[in-house]
Amino acid sequence: MKTKNLVLMALLVGVGAVLYLVIPGYGEGMKPDFMLTMMFIGILLFPTFKETFLLAVTTGVLSGLFSTFPGGFFPNIIDKLITGFVFLAIVMVLGHLIQKVATGAVLVAICTVISGSVFLSMALLLVGLPGGAAFSALFIAVVLPGAVLNTIAFVIIYPIITNLLKRANFNTSISHA
């Protein structure tokens, strides 16, 4: 791993953390997870096992630390690891087709739903859902709107980042597309 790649991944995670902190929680302490969007962008830029593992663990730990969901630390870590590697597998299968914003947006929406499902499942198994809330109610009230918001954020942020990286001659998967 190159230092400049680590710095870019840290910047993406940092921006995601700031977005995660400023968005208010709703639906039993859950909130849209913009750290997830930034993790997806990082995986698109650096689609390798090592970078995905690093992004997923870092994003999971920070999401867990900042989580407003009661007992959300471990479910966040598990969720980000599973979702990160599912996202990477799909990116590897789709190849250069994934560099298109529309394809990436669909993938972000799908993987956000996967992430929310894994998170709720792990929370249910490990700590229980708060206030006796039903899985389906939290899924409809939080995960689906979160998927829409993450997709909108991706559509806005991804082209900006790719244009900046192309101008800076930064060596990522985008510069090879």
N, C-alpha and C. Protein backbone atom coordinates (compact mmCIF):
# COMPACT_ATOMS: atom_id res chain seq x y z
N MET A 1 0.83 -1.18 0.00
CA MET A 1 0.00 0.00 0.00
C MET A 1 0.88 1.24 0.00
N LYS A 2 0.51 2.17 -0.84
CA LYS A 2 1.26 3.42 -0.91
C LYS A 2 0.70 4.40 0.11
N THR A 3 1.59 5.26 0.60
CA THR A 3 1.20 6.24 1.61
C THR A 3 0.12 7.18 1.09
N LYS A 4 0.25 7.61 -0.16
CA LYS A 4 -0.76 8.53 -0.69
C LYS A 4 -2.12 7.85 -0.81
N ASN A 5 -2.16 6.54 -1.07
CA ASN A 5 -3.43 5.83 -1.09
C ASN A 5 -4.04 5.77 0.31
N LEU A 6 -3.19 5.54 1.30
CA LEU A 6 -3.66 5.52 2.69
C LEU A 6 -4.21 6.89 3.10
N VAL A 7 -3.54 7.94 2.66
CA VAL A 7 -4.00 9.29 2.98
C VAL A 7 -5.35 9.56 2.34
N LEU A 8 -5.51 9.17 1.07
CA LEU A 8 -6.80 9.37 0.41
C LEU A 8 -7.90 8.56 1.09
N MET A 9 -7.61 7.32 1.46
CA MET A 9 -8.61 6.51 2.16
C MET A 9 -8.96 7.12 3.51
N ALA A 10 -7.96 7.66 4.21
CA ALA A 10 -8.21 8.31 5.50
C ALA A 10 -9.08 9.55 5.31
N LEU A 11 -8.83 10.30 4.25
CA LEU A 11 -9.66 11.48 3.97
C LEU A 11 -11.11 11.07 3.68
N LEU A 12 -11.29 10.02 2.91
CA LEU A 12 -12.65 9.55 2.62
C LEU A 12 -13.36 9.12 3.90
N VAL A 13 -12.66 8.36 4.74
CA VAL A 13 -13.25 7.91 6.01
C VAL A 13 -13.53 9.11 6.91
N GLY A 14 -12.62 10.08 6.92
CA GLY A 14 -12.82 11.28 7.74
C GLY A 14 -14.02 12.09 7.30
N VAL A 15 -14.17 12.28 6.00
CA VAL A 15 -15.34 13.00 5.48
C VAL A 15 -16.61 12.22 5.83
N GLY A 16 -16.56 10.90 5.68
CA GLY A 16 -17.71 10.08 6.05
C GLY A 16 -18.05 10.20 7.52
N ALA A 17 -17.02 10.26 8.37
CA ALA A 17 -17.25 10.40 9.81
C ALA A 17 -17.91 11.74 10.14
N VAL A 18 -17.46 12.80 9.50
CA VAL A 18 -18.06 14.11 9.74
C VAL A 18 -19.52 14.11 9.29
N LEU A 19 -19.78 13.56 8.12
CA LEU A 19 -21.16 13.48 7.65
C LEU A 19 -22.01 12.63 8.59
N TYR A 20 -21.44 11.54 9.08
CA TYR A 20 -22.15 10.64 9.99
C TYR A 20 -22.51 11.37 11.29
N LEU A 21 -21.60 12.21 11.78
CA LEU A 21 -21.83 12.92 13.04
C LEU A 21 -22.85 14.04 12.92
N VAL A 22 -22.90 14.71 11.78
CA VAL A 22 -23.80 15.85 11.67
C VAL A 22 -25.23 15.47 11.28
N ILE A 23 -25.43 14.26 10.80
CA ILE A 23 -26.78 13.82 10.43
C ILE A 23 -27.48 13.33 11.69
N PRO A 24 -28.66 13.86 12.00
CA PRO A 24 -29.35 13.43 13.21
C PRO A 24 -29.92 12.02 13.08
N GLY A 25 -29.99 11.31 14.20
CA GLY A 25 -30.55 9.97 14.21
C GLY A 25 -32.06 10.00 14.28
N TYR A 26 -32.67 8.96 13.80
CA TYR A 26 -34.11 8.79 13.89
C TYR A 26 -34.40 7.29 13.88
N GLY A 27 -35.60 6.89 14.17
CA GLY A 27 -35.96 5.48 14.11
C GLY A 27 -35.19 4.63 15.09
N GLU A 28 -35.37 4.86 16.37
CA GLU A 28 -34.70 4.09 17.43
C GLU A 28 -33.18 4.26 17.41
N GLY A 29 -32.71 5.44 17.08
CA GLY A 29 -31.28 5.74 17.15
C GLY A 29 -30.51 5.43 15.88
N MET A 30 -31.17 4.95 14.84
CA MET A 30 -30.46 4.68 13.59
C MET A 30 -30.44 5.95 12.75
N LYS A 31 -29.50 6.01 11.81
CA LYS A 31 -29.37 7.15 10.93
C LYS A 31 -28.78 6.70 9.61
N PRO A 32 -28.96 7.47 8.55
CA PRO A 32 -28.31 7.14 7.29
C PRO A 32 -26.79 7.13 7.50
N ASP A 33 -26.12 6.17 6.92
CA ASP A 33 -24.70 5.97 7.17
C ASP A 33 -23.88 6.45 5.99
N PHE A 34 -23.49 7.73 6.02
CA PHE A 34 -22.70 8.27 4.93
C PHE A 34 -21.25 7.77 4.98
N MET A 35 -20.83 7.20 6.10
CA MET A 35 -19.52 6.56 6.14
C MET A 35 -19.51 5.37 5.18
N LEU A 36 -20.65 4.74 5.05
CA LEU A 36 -20.80 3.61 4.13
C LEU A 36 -20.59 4.07 2.69
N THR A 37 -21.16 5.20 2.34
CA THR A 37 -20.98 5.75 0.99
C THR A 37 -19.52 6.02 0.71
N MET A 38 -18.83 6.59 1.68
CA MET A 38 -17.41 6.90 1.49
C MET A 38 -16.58 5.62 1.43
N MET A 39 -16.98 4.59 2.18
CA MET A 39 -16.30 3.30 2.10
C MET A 39 -16.47 2.72 0.69
N PHE A 40 -17.67 2.82 0.14
CA PHE A 40 -17.92 2.32 -1.21
C PHE A 40 -17.06 3.06 -2.23
N ILE A 41 -16.94 4.36 -2.09
CA ILE A 41 -16.11 5.14 -3.01
C ILE A 41 -14.65 4.70 -2.88
N GLY A 42 -14.19 4.49 -1.64
CA GLY A 42 -12.82 4.02 -1.44
C GLY A 42 -12.58 2.66 -2.08
N ILE A 43 -13.56 1.78 -1.99
CA ILE A 43 -13.41 0.45 -2.61
C ILE A 43 -13.40 0.58 -4.13
N LEU A 44 -14.20 1.48 -4.68
CA LEU A 44 -14.18 1.70 -6.13
C LEU A 44 -12.82 2.23 -6.58
N LEU A 45 -12.23 3.07 -5.77
CA LEU A 45 -10.92 3.64 -6.13
C LEU A 45 -9.79 2.64 -5.97
N PHE A 46 -9.88 1.80 -4.94
CA PHE A 46 -8.83 0.83 -4.63
C PHE A 46 -9.46 -0.55 -4.43
N PRO A 47 -9.83 -1.22 -5.53
CA PRO A 47 -10.55 -2.50 -5.42
C PRO A 47 -9.62 -3.69 -5.16
N THR A 48 -9.01 -3.70 -3.99
CA THR A 48 -8.17 -4.84 -3.60
C THR A 48 -8.59 -5.33 -2.22
N PHE A 49 -8.17 -6.53 -1.90
CA PHE A 49 -8.54 -7.13 -0.62
C PHE A 49 -8.00 -6.32 0.55
N LYS A 50 -6.72 -5.93 0.49
CA LYS A 50 -6.11 -5.20 1.61
C LYS A 50 -6.78 -3.86 1.87
N GLU A 51 -6.99 -3.11 0.81
CA GLU A 51 -7.62 -1.79 0.97
C GLU A 51 -9.06 -1.93 1.45
N THR A 52 -9.78 -2.92 0.92
CA THR A 52 -11.16 -3.13 1.35
C THR A 52 -11.21 -3.51 2.82
N PHE A 53 -10.32 -4.39 3.24
CA PHE A 53 -10.28 -4.79 4.65
C PHE A 53 -10.00 -3.58 5.53
N LEU A 54 -9.02 -2.78 5.15
CA LEU A 54 -8.67 -1.60 5.93
C LEU A 54 -9.83 -0.60 5.99
N LEU A 55 -10.45 -0.33 4.86
CA LEU A 55 -11.59 0.59 4.83
C LEU A 55 -12.76 0.05 5.66
N ALA A 56 -13.05 -1.24 5.52
CA ALA A 56 -14.19 -1.83 6.23
C ALA A 56 -13.99 -1.81 7.75
N VAL A 57 -12.80 -2.18 8.19
CA VAL A 57 -12.54 -2.19 9.64
C VAL A 57 -12.57 -0.78 10.20
N THR A 58 -11.90 0.14 9.53
CA THR A 58 -11.86 1.52 10.00
C THR A 58 -13.25 2.14 10.03
N THR A 59 -13.99 1.94 8.96
CA THR A 59 -15.34 2.48 8.89
C THR A 59 -16.23 1.83 9.94
N GLY A 60 -16.10 0.53 10.12
CA GLY A 60 -16.90 -0.18 11.12
C GLY A 60 -16.62 0.29 12.53
N VAL A 61 -15.35 0.44 12.87
CA VAL A 61 -15.00 0.89 14.22
C VAL A 61 -15.50 2.31 14.47
N LEU A 62 -15.26 3.20 13.52
CA LEU A 62 -15.72 4.58 13.71
C LEU A 62 -17.25 4.66 13.75
N SER A 63 -17.93 3.93 12.88
CA SER A 63 -19.39 3.90 12.92
C SER A 63 -19.88 3.37 14.25
N GLY A 64 -19.20 2.34 14.76
CA GLY A 64 -19.58 1.77 16.05
C GLY A 64 -19.36 2.74 17.20
N LEU A 65 -18.25 3.46 17.16
CA LEU A 65 -17.96 4.42 18.21
C LEU A 65 -18.95 5.58 18.22
N PHE A 66 -19.36 6.01 17.03
CA PHE A 66 -20.26 7.15 16.92
C PHE A 66 -21.73 6.76 16.87
N SER A 67 -22.01 5.49 16.94
CA SER A 67 -23.38 5.01 16.77
C SER A 67 -24.31 5.52 17.86
N THR A 68 -25.49 5.94 17.43
CA THR A 68 -26.53 6.33 18.39
C THR A 68 -27.47 5.16 18.68
N PHE A 69 -27.22 4.05 18.03
CA PHE A 69 -28.01 2.84 18.23
C PHE A 69 -27.49 2.13 19.48
N PRO A 70 -28.35 1.81 20.43
CA PRO A 70 -27.88 1.14 21.66
C PRO A 70 -27.22 -0.21 21.35
N GLY A 71 -25.97 -0.36 21.77
CA GLY A 71 -25.23 -1.61 21.53
C GLY A 71 -24.81 -1.77 20.08
N GLY A 72 -24.63 -0.66 19.36
CA GLY A 72 -24.36 -0.73 17.93
C GLY A 72 -22.91 -0.91 17.54
N PHE A 73 -21.98 -1.03 18.51
CA PHE A 73 -20.56 -1.11 18.16
C PHE A 73 -20.24 -2.35 17.34
N PHE A 74 -20.49 -3.53 17.88
CA PHE A 74 -20.13 -4.76 17.19
C PHE A 74 -20.98 -5.02 15.94
N PRO A 75 -22.28 -4.73 15.98
CA PRO A 75 -23.04 -4.89 14.73
C PRO A 75 -22.49 -4.01 13.60
N ASN A 76 -21.99 -2.82 13.92
CA ASN A 76 -21.41 -1.95 12.89
C ASN A 76 -20.16 -2.56 12.28
N ILE A 77 -19.29 -3.12 13.09
CA ILE A 77 -18.05 -3.71 12.58
C ILE A 77 -18.38 -4.91 11.68
N ILE A 78 -19.24 -5.78 12.15
CA ILE A 78 -19.61 -6.97 11.37
C ILE A 78 -20.27 -6.55 10.06
N ASP A 79 -21.17 -5.58 10.16
CA ASP A 79 -21.89 -5.09 8.98
C ASP A 79 -20.93 -4.54 7.93
N LYS A 80 -19.99 -3.70 8.33
CA LYS A 80 -19.08 -3.09 7.37
C LYS A 80 -18.15 -4.12 6.73
N LEU A 81 -17.69 -5.10 7.51
CA LEU A 81 -16.83 -6.13 6.94
C LEU A 81 -17.58 -6.95 5.88
N ILE A 82 -18.77 -7.40 6.21
CA ILE A 82 -19.54 -8.20 5.26
C ILE A 82 -19.89 -7.37 4.03
N THR A 83 -20.42 -6.18 4.25
CA THR A 83 -20.84 -5.33 3.14
C THR A 83 -19.67 -4.91 2.26
N GLY A 84 -18.54 -4.59 2.88
CA GLY A 84 -17.36 -4.19 2.12
C GLY A 84 -16.90 -5.29 1.17
N PHE A 85 -16.88 -6.52 1.64
CA PHE A 85 -16.40 -7.60 0.78
C PHE A 85 -17.45 -8.03 -0.25
N VAL A 86 -18.73 -7.89 0.07
CA VAL A 86 -19.77 -8.13 -0.94
C VAL A 86 -19.63 -7.08 -2.04
N PHE A 87 -19.45 -5.82 -1.65
CA PHE A 87 -19.28 -4.74 -2.61
C PHE A 87 -18.05 -5.00 -3.49
N LEU A 88 -16.93 -5.39 -2.87
CA LEU A 88 -15.71 -5.68 -3.62
C LEU A 88 -15.92 -6.82 -4.61
N ALA A 89 -16.60 -7.86 -4.19
CA ALA A 89 -16.85 -9.00 -5.08
C ALA A 89 -17.66 -8.57 -6.30
N ILE A 90 -18.67 -7.75 -6.08
CA ILE A 90 -19.48 -7.28 -7.21
C ILE A 90 -18.66 -6.36 -8.11
N VAL A 91 -17.84 -5.51 -7.53
CA VAL A 91 -16.98 -4.62 -8.32
C VAL A 91 -16.03 -5.45 -9.19
N MET A 92 -15.47 -6.50 -8.62
CA MET A 92 -14.54 -7.34 -9.39
C MET A 92 -15.25 -8.08 -10.52
N VAL A 93 -16.48 -8.49 -10.28
CA VAL A 93 -17.24 -9.18 -11.32
C VAL A 93 -17.63 -8.23 -12.45
N LEU A 94 -18.05 -7.02 -12.09
CA LEU A 94 -18.50 -6.07 -13.10
C LEU A 94 -17.36 -5.38 -13.84
N GLY A 95 -16.17 -5.35 -13.27
CA GLY A 95 -15.01 -4.76 -13.93
C GLY A 95 -15.17 -3.28 -14.22
N HIS A 96 -14.84 -2.88 -15.44
CA HIS A 96 -14.85 -1.46 -15.82
C HIS A 96 -16.26 -0.89 -15.94
N LEU A 97 -17.26 -1.74 -16.03
CA LEU A 97 -18.64 -1.26 -16.10
C LEU A 97 -19.02 -0.48 -14.84
N ILE A 98 -18.38 -0.82 -13.72
CA ILE A 98 -18.71 -0.21 -12.43
C ILE A 98 -18.27 1.26 -12.35
N GLN A 99 -17.39 1.70 -13.25
CA GLN A 99 -16.91 3.08 -13.19
C GLN A 99 -17.97 4.09 -13.62
N LYS A 100 -19.05 3.61 -14.22
CA LYS A 100 -20.14 4.51 -14.59
C LYS A 100 -20.94 4.88 -13.34
N VAL A 101 -21.31 6.14 -13.24
CA VAL A 101 -22.01 6.62 -12.05
C VAL A 101 -23.33 5.89 -11.84
N ALA A 102 -24.07 5.65 -12.91
CA ALA A 102 -25.37 4.98 -12.78
C ALA A 102 -25.21 3.56 -12.23
N THR A 103 -24.23 2.83 -12.74
CA THR A 103 -23.99 1.46 -12.24
C THR A 103 -23.55 1.50 -10.79
N GLY A 104 -22.66 2.43 -10.47
CA GLY A 104 -22.20 2.58 -9.09
C GLY A 104 -23.34 2.95 -8.15
N ALA A 105 -24.24 3.81 -8.62
CA ALA A 105 -25.36 4.24 -7.78
C ALA A 105 -26.29 3.06 -7.47
N VAL A 106 -26.56 2.24 -8.46
CA VAL A 106 -27.41 1.06 -8.23
C VAL A 106 -26.72 0.12 -7.23
N LEU A 107 -25.43 -0.07 -7.42
CA LEU A 107 -24.68 -0.94 -6.50
C LEU A 107 -24.66 -0.37 -5.08
N VAL A 108 -24.51 0.93 -4.94
CA VAL A 108 -24.54 1.58 -3.63
C VAL A 108 -25.89 1.36 -2.96
N ALA A 109 -26.97 1.52 -3.72
CA ALA A 109 -28.30 1.32 -3.16
C ALA A 109 -28.47 -0.13 -2.69
N ILE A 110 -28.09 -1.07 -3.51
CA ILE A 110 -28.23 -2.50 -3.16
C ILE A 110 -27.39 -2.83 -1.93
N CYS A 111 -26.14 -2.38 -1.93
CA CYS A 111 -25.25 -2.72 -0.82
C CYS A 111 -25.61 -1.96 0.46
N THR A 112 -26.24 -0.81 0.34
CA THR A 112 -26.73 -0.13 1.54
C THR A 112 -27.87 -0.92 2.17
N VAL A 113 -28.73 -1.48 1.35
CA VAL A 113 -29.80 -2.33 1.86
C VAL A 113 -29.21 -3.59 2.51
N ILE A 114 -28.19 -4.16 1.88
CA ILE A 114 -27.51 -5.32 2.48
C ILE A 114 -26.90 -4.93 3.82
N SER A 115 -26.24 -3.78 3.85
CA SER A 115 -25.62 -3.30 5.07
C SER A 115 -26.64 -3.12 6.19
N GLY A 116 -27.74 -2.47 5.87
CA GLY A 116 -28.78 -2.26 6.87
C GLY A 116 -29.37 -3.58 7.37
N SER A 117 -29.55 -4.52 6.47
CA SER A 117 -30.08 -5.83 6.85
C SER A 117 -29.11 -6.58 7.76
N VAL A 118 -27.83 -6.54 7.41
CA VAL A 118 -26.82 -7.20 8.24
C VAL A 118 -26.74 -6.52 9.60
N PHE A 119 -26.75 -5.19 9.61
CA PHE A 119 -26.67 -4.46 10.87
C PHE A 119 -27.84 -4.82 11.78
N LEU A 120 -29.05 -4.75 11.24
CA LEU A 120 -30.23 -5.06 12.05
C LEU A 120 -30.22 -6.51 12.53
N SER A 121 -29.80 -7.41 11.66
CA SER A 121 -29.73 -8.83 12.04
C SER A 121 -28.72 -9.04 13.17
N MET A 122 -27.56 -8.43 13.05
CA MET A 122 -26.54 -8.57 14.09
C MET A 122 -26.98 -7.91 15.39
N ALA A 123 -27.61 -6.75 15.28
CA ALA A 123 -28.11 -6.08 16.48
C ALA A 123 -29.17 -6.94 17.16
N LEU A 124 -30.05 -7.53 16.38
CA LEU A 124 -31.10 -8.40 16.92
C LEU A 124 -30.49 -9.60 17.63
N LEU A 125 -29.47 -10.21 17.02
CA LEU A 125 -28.83 -11.38 17.61
C LEU A 125 -27.98 -11.06 18.83
N LEU A 126 -27.25 -9.94 18.76
CA LEU A 126 -26.28 -9.63 19.81
C LEU A 126 -26.87 -8.85 20.99
N VAL A 127 -27.68 -7.84 20.71
CA VAL A 127 -28.16 -6.98 21.79
C VAL A 127 -29.67 -6.78 21.79
N GLY A 128 -30.33 -7.20 20.75
CA GLY A 128 -31.77 -6.97 20.64
C GLY A 128 -32.05 -5.60 20.06
N LEU A 129 -33.22 -5.47 19.48
CA LEU A 129 -33.60 -4.18 18.91
C LEU A 129 -34.20 -3.31 20.00
N PRO A 130 -33.88 -2.02 20.02
CA PRO A 130 -34.33 -1.15 21.11
C PRO A 130 -35.83 -0.91 21.11
N GLY A 131 -36.36 -0.79 22.30
CA GLY A 131 -37.77 -0.45 22.46
C GLY A 131 -38.73 -1.46 21.90
N GLY A 132 -38.29 -2.69 21.70
CA GLY A 132 -39.17 -3.72 21.16
C GLY A 132 -39.55 -3.48 19.71
N ALA A 133 -38.75 -2.67 19.01
CA ALA A 133 -39.05 -2.37 17.61
C ALA A 133 -38.91 -3.63 16.76
N ALA A 134 -39.74 -3.72 15.76
CA ALA A 134 -39.69 -4.86 14.85
C ALA A 134 -38.64 -4.63 13.78
N PHE A 135 -38.02 -5.72 13.33
CA PHE A 135 -37.02 -5.66 12.27
C PHE A 135 -37.61 -4.97 11.04
N SER A 136 -38.79 -5.41 10.64
CA SER A 136 -39.39 -4.86 9.42
C SER A 136 -39.69 -3.37 9.55
N ALA A 137 -40.10 -2.94 10.73
CA ALA A 137 -40.40 -1.51 10.94
C ALA A 137 -39.12 -0.68 10.81
N LEU A 138 -38.02 -1.14 11.42
CA LEU A 138 -36.76 -0.41 11.30
C LEU A 138 -36.22 -0.47 9.88
N PHE A 139 -36.42 -1.60 9.21
CA PHE A 139 -35.96 -1.74 7.83
C PHE A 139 -36.66 -0.71 6.94
N ILE A 140 -37.98 -0.62 7.08
CA ILE A 140 -38.75 0.31 6.24
C ILE A 140 -38.49 1.76 6.64
N ALA A 141 -38.40 2.03 7.93
CA ALA A 141 -38.27 3.41 8.40
C ALA A 141 -36.86 3.98 8.29
N VAL A 142 -35.85 3.12 8.34
CA VAL A 142 -34.48 3.63 8.38
C VAL A 142 -33.63 3.13 7.22
N VAL A 143 -33.65 1.83 6.94
CA VAL A 143 -32.75 1.27 5.93
C VAL A 143 -33.11 1.74 4.52
N LEU A 144 -34.36 1.67 4.16
CA LEU A 144 -34.75 2.08 2.80
C LEU A 144 -34.53 3.57 2.55
N PRO A 145 -34.94 4.46 3.48
CA PRO A 145 -34.59 5.88 3.26
C PRO A 145 -33.07 6.11 3.27
N GLY A 146 -32.35 5.36 4.11
CA GLY A 146 -30.89 5.47 4.13
C GLY A 146 -30.27 5.09 2.80
N ALA A 147 -30.82 4.06 2.17
CA ALA A 147 -30.33 3.64 0.85
C ALA A 147 -30.54 4.74 -0.19
N VAL A 148 -31.68 5.39 -0.13
CA VAL A 148 -31.97 6.48 -1.06
C VAL A 148 -30.99 7.65 -0.81
N LEU A 149 -30.81 8.02 0.45
CA LEU A 149 -29.91 9.14 0.77
C LEU A 149 -28.45 8.81 0.42
N ASN A 150 -28.01 7.59 0.68
CA ASN A 150 -26.65 7.19 0.32
C ASN A 150 -26.44 7.23 -1.19
N THR A 151 -27.46 6.81 -1.92
CA THR A 151 -27.36 6.82 -3.38
C THR A 151 -27.27 8.24 -3.91
N ILE A 152 -28.08 9.13 -3.36
CA ILE A 152 -28.02 10.54 -3.76
C ILE A 152 -26.65 11.13 -3.43
N ALA A 153 -26.14 10.83 -2.23
CA ALA A 153 -24.82 11.32 -1.84
C ALA A 153 -23.74 10.79 -2.79
N PHE A 154 -23.84 9.52 -3.17
CA PHE A 154 -22.87 8.92 -4.08
C PHE A 154 -22.90 9.62 -5.44
N VAL A 155 -24.09 9.85 -5.96
CA VAL A 155 -24.24 10.48 -7.27
C VAL A 155 -23.64 11.89 -7.26
N ILE A 156 -23.68 12.56 -6.14
CA ILE A 156 -23.11 13.91 -6.04
C ILE A 156 -21.60 13.86 -5.81
N ILE A 157 -21.16 13.01 -4.88
CA ILE A 157 -19.76 13.02 -4.45
C ILE A 157 -18.82 12.27 -5.40
N TYR A 158 -19.24 11.13 -5.93
CA TYR A 158 -18.34 10.30 -6.74
C TYR A 158 -17.79 11.02 -7.97
N PRO A 159 -18.62 11.70 -8.76
CA PRO A 159 -18.04 12.40 -9.92
C PRO A 159 -17.06 13.51 -9.52
N ILE A 160 -17.31 14.17 -8.42
CA ILE A 160 -16.38 15.21 -7.95
C ILE A 160 -15.03 14.59 -7.63
N ILE A 161 -15.05 13.49 -6.87
CA ILE A 161 -13.79 12.84 -6.49
C ILE A 161 -13.06 12.30 -7.71
N THR A 162 -13.78 11.66 -8.62
CA THR A 162 -13.11 11.10 -9.80
C THR A 162 -12.49 12.19 -10.67
N ASN A 163 -13.19 13.32 -10.83
CA ASN A 163 -12.62 14.42 -11.62
C ASN A 163 -11.37 14.99 -10.95
N LEU A 164 -11.42 15.15 -9.63
CA LEU A 164 -10.24 15.66 -8.92
C LEU A 164 -9.05 14.70 -9.05
N LEU A 165 -9.32 13.41 -8.95
CA LEU A 165 -8.23 12.44 -9.03
C LEU A 165 -7.65 12.35 -10.43
N LYS A 166 -8.49 12.50 -11.45
CA LYS A 166 -7.99 12.49 -12.83
C LYS A 166 -7.10 13.69 -13.09
N ARG A 167 -7.50 14.86 -12.59
CA ARG A 167 -6.70 16.07 -12.77
C ARG A 167 -5.38 16.00 -12.03
N ALA A 168 -5.38 15.31 -10.88
CA ALA A 168 -4.17 15.22 -10.08
C ALA A 168 -3.27 14.06 -10.51
N ASN A 169 -3.67 13.35 -11.56
CA ASN A 169 -2.92 12.17 -12.02
C ASN A 169 -2.67 11.18 -10.90
N PHE A 170 -3.69 10.99 -10.08
CA PHE A 170 -3.61 10.04 -8.95
C PHE A 170 -3.83 8.64 -9.48
N ASN A 171 -3.04 7.69 -9.03
CA ASN A 171 -3.10 6.32 -9.55
C ASN A 171 -4.15 5.51 -8.79
N THR A 172 -5.35 5.40 -9.36
CA THR A 172 -6.42 4.60 -8.79
C THR A 172 -7.02 3.74 -9.90
N SER A 173 -8.03 2.96 -9.56
CA SER A 173 -8.68 2.15 -10.58
C SER A 173 -9.36 3.02 -11.64
N ILE A 174 -9.70 4.24 -11.29
CA ILE A 174 -10.34 5.16 -12.22
C ILE A 174 -9.36 5.59 -13.31
N SER A 175 -8.10 5.79 -12.93
CA SER A 175 -7.11 6.21 -13.92
C SER A 175 -6.77 5.09 -14.90
N HIS A 176 -7.15 3.86 -14.57
CA HIS A 176 -6.91 2.72 -15.47
C HIS A 176 -8.14 2.39 -16.31
N ALA A 177 -9.26 3.07 -16.02
CA ALA A 177 -10.51 2.74 -16.73
C ALA A 177 -10.53 3.35 -18.11
